[in-house]
Amino acid sequence: KKRFKAAQAAAQKAAAAAAAAEAAERAAEAAAEEEEEDASAEGRASTSGDESGLDEAEMEELSAEVEAMNMGALRSALAERGLDKSGKKPALAARLLEARVREERAAAADGSSDEGAGGA
């Protein structure tokens, strides 16, 4: 009976260790996926400037403003725009930068359309 109980305890420990290893592997995979999503979001934000109509200095200024913000300010700015405010700072910053670029592009388009409509 003692051998059986010892074998049973060893099997339980092995099962617990396997479960812990599996959980750690899932956590590592989730972290890798999140890093990949963050990198993808950063890539979208950096490439969106190329098509934004903003010059390089304006993009750098927007980027610097967004990167200087703390997490509370980022979340607040995203909430004001009705955007998702969850995630790590790089994802939040990329999301906000993308929104700010869209806003700047829209403001520039409104300004140029107003100039054209003034002559009529």
Protein backbone atom coordinates (compact mmCIF):
# COMPACT_ATOMS: atom_id res chain seq x y z
CA LYS A 1 0.00 0.00 0.00
CA LYS A 2 2.82 2.40 0.80
CA ARG A 3 4.40 1.84 -2.61
CA PHE A 4 1.04 2.41 -4.29
CA LYS A 5 0.50 5.68 -2.41
CA ALA A 6 4.04 6.82 -3.22
CA ALA A 7 3.53 5.98 -6.89
CA GLN A 8 0.17 7.73 -6.86
CA ALA A 9 1.71 10.86 -5.25
CA ALA A 10 4.52 10.82 -7.82
CA ALA A 11 1.98 10.54 -10.64
CA GLN A 12 0.01 13.45 -9.23
CA LYS A 13 3.17 15.55 -8.98
CA ALA A 14 4.08 14.67 -12.56
CA ALA A 15 0.59 15.58 -13.76
CA ALA A 16 0.75 18.88 -11.88
CA ALA A 17 4.16 19.63 -13.37
CA ALA A 18 2.89 18.80 -16.85
CA ALA A 19 -0.13 21.03 -16.35
CA ALA A 20 2.10 23.87 -15.12
CA ALA A 21 4.40 23.44 -18.10
CA GLU A 22 1.42 23.49 -20.46
CA ALA A 23 0.06 26.64 -18.80
CA ALA A 24 3.48 28.29 -19.07
CA GLU A 25 3.66 27.36 -22.74
CA ARG A 26 0.20 28.84 -23.38
CA ALA A 27 1.20 32.02 -21.54
CA ALA A 28 4.39 32.28 -23.62
CA GLU A 29 2.40 31.80 -26.82
CA ALA A 30 -0.11 34.46 -25.75
CA ALA A 31 2.71 36.87 -24.94
CA ALA A 32 4.34 36.21 -28.31
CA GLU A 33 1.02 36.82 -30.09
CA GLU A 34 0.53 40.06 -28.16
CA GLU A 35 4.04 41.23 -29.07
CA GLU A 36 3.30 40.37 -32.70
CA GLU A 37 0.04 42.36 -32.56
CA ASP A 38 1.87 45.29 -30.94
CA ALA A 39 4.53 45.19 -33.65
CA SER A 40 1.83 45.00 -36.29
CA ALA A 41 0.01 47.98 -34.79
CA GLU A 42 3.26 49.94 -34.66
CA GLY A 43 3.91 49.04 -38.28
CA ARG A 44 0.44 50.23 -39.31
CA ALA A 45 0.96 53.50 -37.46
CA SER A 46 4.36 54.11 -39.02
CA THR A 47 3.22 53.26 -42.53
CA SER A 48 0.03 55.28 -42.21
CA GLY A 49 2.19 58.40 -42.03
CA ASP A 50 3.61 57.63 -45.44
CA GLU A 51 0.15 57.95 -47.01
CA SER A 52 -1.16 60.60 -44.64
CA GLY A 53 -0.21 63.69 -46.56
CA LEU A 54 1.66 64.90 -43.47
CA ASP A 55 5.27 65.87 -43.90
CA GLU A 56 8.02 64.15 -41.97
CA ALA A 57 8.33 66.93 -39.36
CA GLU A 58 4.58 66.82 -38.63
CA MET A 59 4.70 63.03 -38.25
CA GLU A 60 7.69 63.24 -35.92
CA GLU A 61 5.92 65.88 -33.83
CA LEU A 62 2.75 63.76 -33.55
CA SER A 63 4.81 60.67 -32.71
CA ALA A 64 6.76 62.54 -30.04
CA GLU A 65 3.57 63.89 -28.48
CA VAL A 66 1.96 60.46 -28.34
CA GLU A 67 5.09 58.67 -27.09
CA ALA A 68 5.51 61.24 -24.29
CA MET A 69 2.04 60.48 -22.93
CA ASN A 70 1.65 58.24 -19.89
CA MET A 71 -0.78 55.32 -19.83
CA GLY A 72 -3.57 57.36 -18.20
CA ALA A 73 -3.33 60.08 -20.82
CA LEU A 74 -3.24 57.53 -23.65
CA ARG A 75 -6.31 55.73 -22.31
CA SER A 76 -8.15 59.02 -21.82
CA ALA A 77 -7.34 60.22 -25.34
CA LEU A 78 -8.44 56.88 -26.81
CA ALA A 79 -11.66 56.91 -24.77
CA GLU A 80 -12.45 60.44 -26.02
CA ARG A 81 -12.25 59.08 -29.56
CA GLY A 82 -14.31 55.99 -28.75
CA LEU A 83 -11.34 53.69 -29.37
CA ASP A 84 -10.24 50.57 -27.52
CA LYS A 85 -8.18 51.61 -24.50
CA SER A 86 -6.89 48.18 -23.51
CA GLY A 87 -3.40 46.83 -24.09
CA LYS A 88 0.18 47.75 -23.46
CA LYS A 89 1.64 51.19 -24.04
CA PRO A 90 3.09 50.49 -27.53
CA ALA A 91 -0.31 49.27 -28.77
CA LEU A 92 -2.13 52.23 -27.20
CA ALA A 93 0.39 54.69 -28.61
CA ALA A 94 0.13 53.17 -32.09
CA ARG A 95 -3.67 53.24 -31.94
CA LEU A 96 -3.72 56.88 -30.84
CA LEU A 97 -1.11 57.91 -33.39
CA GLU A 98 -3.15 56.29 -36.14
CA ALA A 99 -6.24 58.19 -34.97
CA ARG A 100 -4.34 61.48 -34.74
CA VAL A 101 -3.00 61.02 -38.28
CA ARG A 102 -6.54 60.39 -39.55
CA GLU A 103 -7.72 63.52 -37.74
CA GLU A 104 -4.91 65.62 -39.21
CA ARG A 105 -5.64 64.25 -42.67
CA ALA A 106 -9.36 65.06 -42.29
CA ALA A 107 -8.58 68.56 -41.01
CA ALA A 108 -6.27 69.16 -43.99
CA ALA A 109 -8.94 67.90 -46.38
CA ASP A 110 -11.57 70.14 -44.78
CA GLY A 111 -9.24 73.11 -45.02
CA SER A 112 -8.50 72.56 -48.69
CA SER A 113 -12.18 71.97 -49.56
CA ASP A 114 -13.15 75.19 -47.73
CA GLU A 115 -10.67 77.17 -49.82
CA GLY A 116 -12.14 75.79 -53.05
CA ALA A 117 -15.73 76.51 -51.98
CA GLY A 118 -15.01 80.12 -51.06
CA GLY A 119 -14.99 81.37 -54.67
CA ALA A 120 -18.54 80.34 -55.52
